[in-house]
Amino acid sequence: KHREEIVGKRFLCVNSAGKAKLSKPPDLDWRAGIIRAASHKDPKHPELSVLVEFDNADWKRREWIRVYEDPFAAFLVEETLTWHVRNPDETPSPALNFNSYIDRVGVWEQALKPI
């Protein structure tokens, strides 16, 4: 079971503005950060806005994002913690598993998934 609320969770997103072809998800300009507040408890609400703090940005530069209205090609939110093995001879490492809220680039159709 995972935490239902999205506040405090990590997210990944790709803005689709100006992208001519979105066919290779690993090559896109992914941004990551933490969701600090949400306008609705239901993450599927069509007017959901989230206050985000992007990684490598000053914490004072938080911004509100309209998840389903802004031009995102992908918006993924942390769901569970999993174990990941990069090489068969390595010890598994913890990794975050993400849930797709918006996926216009086919992230979940790829053989490799973001963790």
C-alpha atoms as a PDB file:
ATOM      1  CA  LYS A   1       0.000   0.000   0.000  1.00  0.00           C
ATOM      2  CA  HIS A   2       1.229   3.493  -0.760  1.00  0.00           C
ATOM      3  CA  ARG A   3       0.456   6.913   0.648  1.00  0.00           C
ATOM      4  CA  GLU A   4      -2.526   8.404  -1.183  1.00  0.00           C
ATOM      5  CA  GLU A   5      -1.667  12.094  -0.664  1.00  0.00           C
ATOM      6  CA  ILE A   6       0.858  13.670  -3.007  1.00  0.00           C
ATOM      7  CA  VAL A   7       2.209  16.444  -0.752  1.00  0.00           C
ATOM      8  CA  GLY A   8       5.799  15.680   0.222  1.00  0.00           C
ATOM      9  CA  LYS A   9       6.350  13.301  -2.679  1.00  0.00           C
ATOM     10  CA  ARG A  10       8.945  13.498  -5.441  1.00  0.00           C
ATOM     11  CA  PHE A  11       7.846  14.211  -9.008  1.00  0.00           C
ATOM     12  CA  LEU A  12       9.296  14.146 -12.521  1.00  0.00           C
ATOM     13  CA  CYS A  13       7.975  16.257 -15.390  1.00  0.00           C
ATOM     14  CA  VAL A  14       8.652  17.230 -18.984  1.00  0.00           C
ATOM     15  CA  ASN A  15       7.216  20.384 -20.497  1.00  0.00           C
ATOM     16  CA  SER A  16       5.934  19.771 -24.030  1.00  0.00           C
ATOM     17  CA  ALA A  17       6.057  23.407 -25.161  1.00  0.00           C
ATOM     18  CA  GLY A  18       8.260  23.703 -28.222  1.00  0.00           C
ATOM     19  CA  LYS A  19       8.864  19.965 -28.589  1.00  0.00           C
ATOM     20  CA  ALA A  20       8.470  18.878 -32.208  1.00  0.00           C
ATOM     21  CA  LYS A  21       8.840  15.167 -31.587  1.00  0.00           C
ATOM     22  CA  LEU A  22       8.530  13.422 -28.245  1.00  0.00           C
ATOM     23  CA  SER A  23       9.610   9.922 -29.158  1.00  0.00           C
ATOM     24  CA  LYS A  24      12.574   9.207 -26.868  1.00  0.00           C
ATOM     25  CA  PRO A  25      11.677   9.778 -23.192  1.00  0.00           C
ATOM     26  CA  PRO A  26      15.261   9.322 -21.878  1.00  0.00           C
ATOM     27  CA  ASP A  27      16.474  12.140 -24.156  1.00  0.00           C
ATOM     28  CA  LEU A  28      13.934  14.706 -22.965  1.00  0.00           C
ATOM     29  CA  ASP A  29      14.620  17.578 -20.576  1.00  0.00           C
ATOM     30  CA  TRP A  30      13.275  16.025 -17.348  1.00  0.00           C
ATOM     31  CA  ARG A  31      12.830  18.209 -14.274  1.00  0.00           C
ATOM     32  CA  ALA A  32      12.477  16.814 -10.773  1.00  0.00           C
ATOM     33  CA  GLY A  33      11.502  18.124  -7.384  1.00  0.00           C
ATOM     34  CA  ILE A  34       9.172  17.858  -4.400  1.00  0.00           C
ATOM     35  CA  ILE A  35       5.474  18.669  -4.166  1.00  0.00           C
ATOM     36  CA  ARG A  36       5.015  21.054  -1.219  1.00  0.00           C
ATOM     37  CA  ALA A  37       1.238  21.713  -1.390  1.00  0.00           C
ATOM     38  CA  ALA A  38      -1.810  20.670  -3.411  1.00  0.00           C
ATOM     39  CA  SER A  39      -5.091  22.418  -4.171  1.00  0.00           C
ATOM     40  CA  HIS A  40      -7.131  19.186  -3.926  1.00  0.00           C
ATOM     41  CA  LYS A  41      -6.809  15.903  -2.047  1.00  0.00           C
ATOM     42  CA  ASP A  42      -7.863  13.928  -5.122  1.00  0.00           C
ATOM     43  CA  PRO A  43      -4.823  13.711  -7.449  1.00  0.00           C
ATOM     44  CA  LYS A  44      -7.141  13.003 -10.411  1.00  0.00           C
ATOM     45  CA  HIS A  45      -9.093  16.256  -9.935  1.00  0.00           C
ATOM     46  CA  PRO A  46      -9.077  18.081 -13.319  1.00  0.00           C
ATOM     47  CA  GLU A  47      -8.191  21.423 -11.676  1.00  0.00           C
ATOM     48  CA  LEU A  48      -5.351  20.053  -9.519  1.00  0.00           C
ATOM     49  CA  SER A  49      -2.613  22.596  -8.843  1.00  0.00           C
ATOM     50  CA  VAL A  50       0.556  21.764  -6.938  1.00  0.00           C
ATOM     51  CA  LEU A  51       3.174  23.984  -5.335  1.00  0.00           C
ATOM     52  CA  VAL A  52       6.515  22.525  -6.387  1.00  0.00           C
ATOM     53  CA  GLU A  53      10.116  23.035  -5.407  1.00  0.00           C
ATOM     54  CA  PHE A  54      12.450  22.030  -8.228  1.00  0.00           C
ATOM     55  CA  ASP A  55      15.763  20.326  -7.499  1.00  0.00           C
ATOM     56  CA  ASN A  56      18.799  22.600  -7.898  1.00  0.00           C
ATOM     57  CA  ALA A  57      16.648  25.719  -7.470  1.00  0.00           C
ATOM     58  CA  ASP A  58      16.448  28.083  -4.512  1.00  0.00           C
ATOM     59  CA  TRP A  59      13.646  26.987  -2.170  1.00  0.00           C
ATOM     60  CA  LYS A  60      12.236  30.524  -2.393  1.00  0.00           C
ATOM     61  CA  ARG A  61      11.556  29.942  -6.098  1.00  0.00           C
ATOM     62  CA  ARG A  62       8.664  27.560  -5.603  1.00  0.00           C
ATOM     63  CA  GLU A  63       5.917  27.727  -8.204  1.00  0.00           C
ATOM     64  CA  TRP A  64       2.338  26.597  -8.687  1.00  0.00           C
ATOM     65  CA  ILE A  65       1.758  24.148 -11.532  1.00  0.00           C
ATOM     66  CA  ARG A  66      -1.642  23.205 -12.957  1.00  0.00           C
ATOM     67  CA  VAL A  67      -1.000  19.509 -13.529  1.00  0.00           C
ATOM     68  CA  TYR A  68      -3.712  18.831 -16.118  1.00  0.00           C
ATOM     69  CA  GLU A  69      -3.802  22.292 -17.718  1.00  0.00           C
ATOM     70  CA  ASP A  70      -0.147  23.233 -18.196  1.00  0.00           C
ATOM     71  CA  PRO A  71       1.504  21.857 -21.352  1.00  0.00           C
ATOM     72  CA  PHE A  72       3.162  18.772 -19.873  1.00  0.00           C
ATOM     73  CA  ALA A  73       4.305  15.872 -21.999  1.00  0.00           C
ATOM     74  CA  ALA A  74       4.762  13.837 -18.811  1.00  0.00           C
ATOM     75  CA  PHE A  75       4.052  14.304 -15.110  1.00  0.00           C
ATOM     76  CA  LEU A  76       5.005  11.439 -12.793  1.00  0.00           C
ATOM     77  CA  VAL A  77       4.623  11.273  -9.002  1.00  0.00           C
ATOM     78  CA  GLU A  78       6.411   9.002  -6.531  1.00  0.00           C
ATOM     79  CA  GLU A  79       4.308   6.017  -5.546  1.00  0.00           C
ATOM     80  CA  THR A  80       6.331   3.317  -3.796  1.00  0.00           C
ATOM     81  CA  LEU A  81       9.830   2.352  -2.785  1.00  0.00           C
ATOM     82  CA  THR A  82      11.260  -0.653  -4.599  1.00  0.00           C
ATOM     83  CA  TRP A  83      14.553  -2.510  -4.938  1.00  0.00           C
ATOM     84  CA  HIS A  84      16.584  -2.138  -8.114  1.00  0.00           C
ATOM     85  CA  VAL A  85      19.569  -4.146  -9.370  1.00  0.00           C
ATOM     86  CA  ARG A  86      21.697  -2.475 -12.048  1.00  0.00           C
ATOM     87  CA  ASN A  87      24.023  -5.426 -12.568  1.00  0.00           C
ATOM     88  CA  PRO A  88      23.421  -9.071 -11.597  1.00  0.00           C
ATOM     89  CA  ASP A  89      26.491  -9.130  -9.334  1.00  0.00           C
ATOM     90  CA  GLU A  90      25.491  -5.997  -7.347  1.00  0.00           C
ATOM     91  CA  THR A  91      23.465  -5.681  -4.183  1.00  0.00           C
ATOM     92  CA  PRO A  92      19.955  -4.263  -4.773  1.00  0.00           C
ATOM     93  CA  SER A  93      19.563  -0.549  -4.056  1.00  0.00           C
ATOM     94  CA  PRO A  94      16.415   1.300  -2.989  1.00  0.00           C
ATOM     95  CA  ALA A  95      14.667   3.213  -5.776  1.00  0.00           C
ATOM     96  CA  LEU A  96      11.456   5.196  -6.115  1.00  0.00           C
ATOM     97  CA  ASN A  97       8.703   3.855  -8.342  1.00  0.00           C
ATOM     98  CA  PHE A  98       6.595   6.511 -10.093  1.00  0.00           C
ATOM     99  CA  ASN A  99       2.931   6.688 -11.095  1.00  0.00           C
ATOM    100  CA  SER A 100       2.011   8.455 -14.332  1.00  0.00           C
ATOM    101  CA  TYR A 101      -0.512  11.308 -14.132  1.00  0.00           C
ATOM    102  CA  ILE A 102       0.231  12.479 -17.686  1.00  0.00           C
ATOM    103  CA  ASP A 103       2.121  10.416 -20.268  1.00  0.00           C
ATOM    104  CA  ARG A 104       2.083  11.851 -23.783  1.00  0.00           C
ATOM    105  CA  VAL A 105       5.587  10.565 -24.537  1.00  0.00           C
ATOM    106  CA  GLY A 106       4.990   6.861 -23.958  1.00  0.00           C
ATOM    107  CA  VAL A 107       7.106   6.415 -20.831  1.00  0.00           C
ATOM    108  CA  TRP A 108       5.186   3.289 -19.850  1.00  0.00           C
ATOM    109  CA  GLU A 109       5.510   1.822 -23.359  1.00  0.00           C
ATOM    110  CA  GLN A 110       9.317   1.784 -23.045  1.00  0.00           C
ATOM    111  CA  ALA A 111      11.273  -1.256 -21.874  1.00  0.00           C
ATOM    112  CA  LEU A 112      13.042   0.864 -19.239  1.00  0.00           C
ATOM    113  CA  LYS A 113      10.925   2.657 -16.626  1.00  0.00           C
ATOM    114  CA  PRO A 114      11.948   5.703 -14.561  1.00  0.00           C
ATOM    115  CA  ILE A 115      12.975   4.896 -11.000  1.00  0.00           C
END
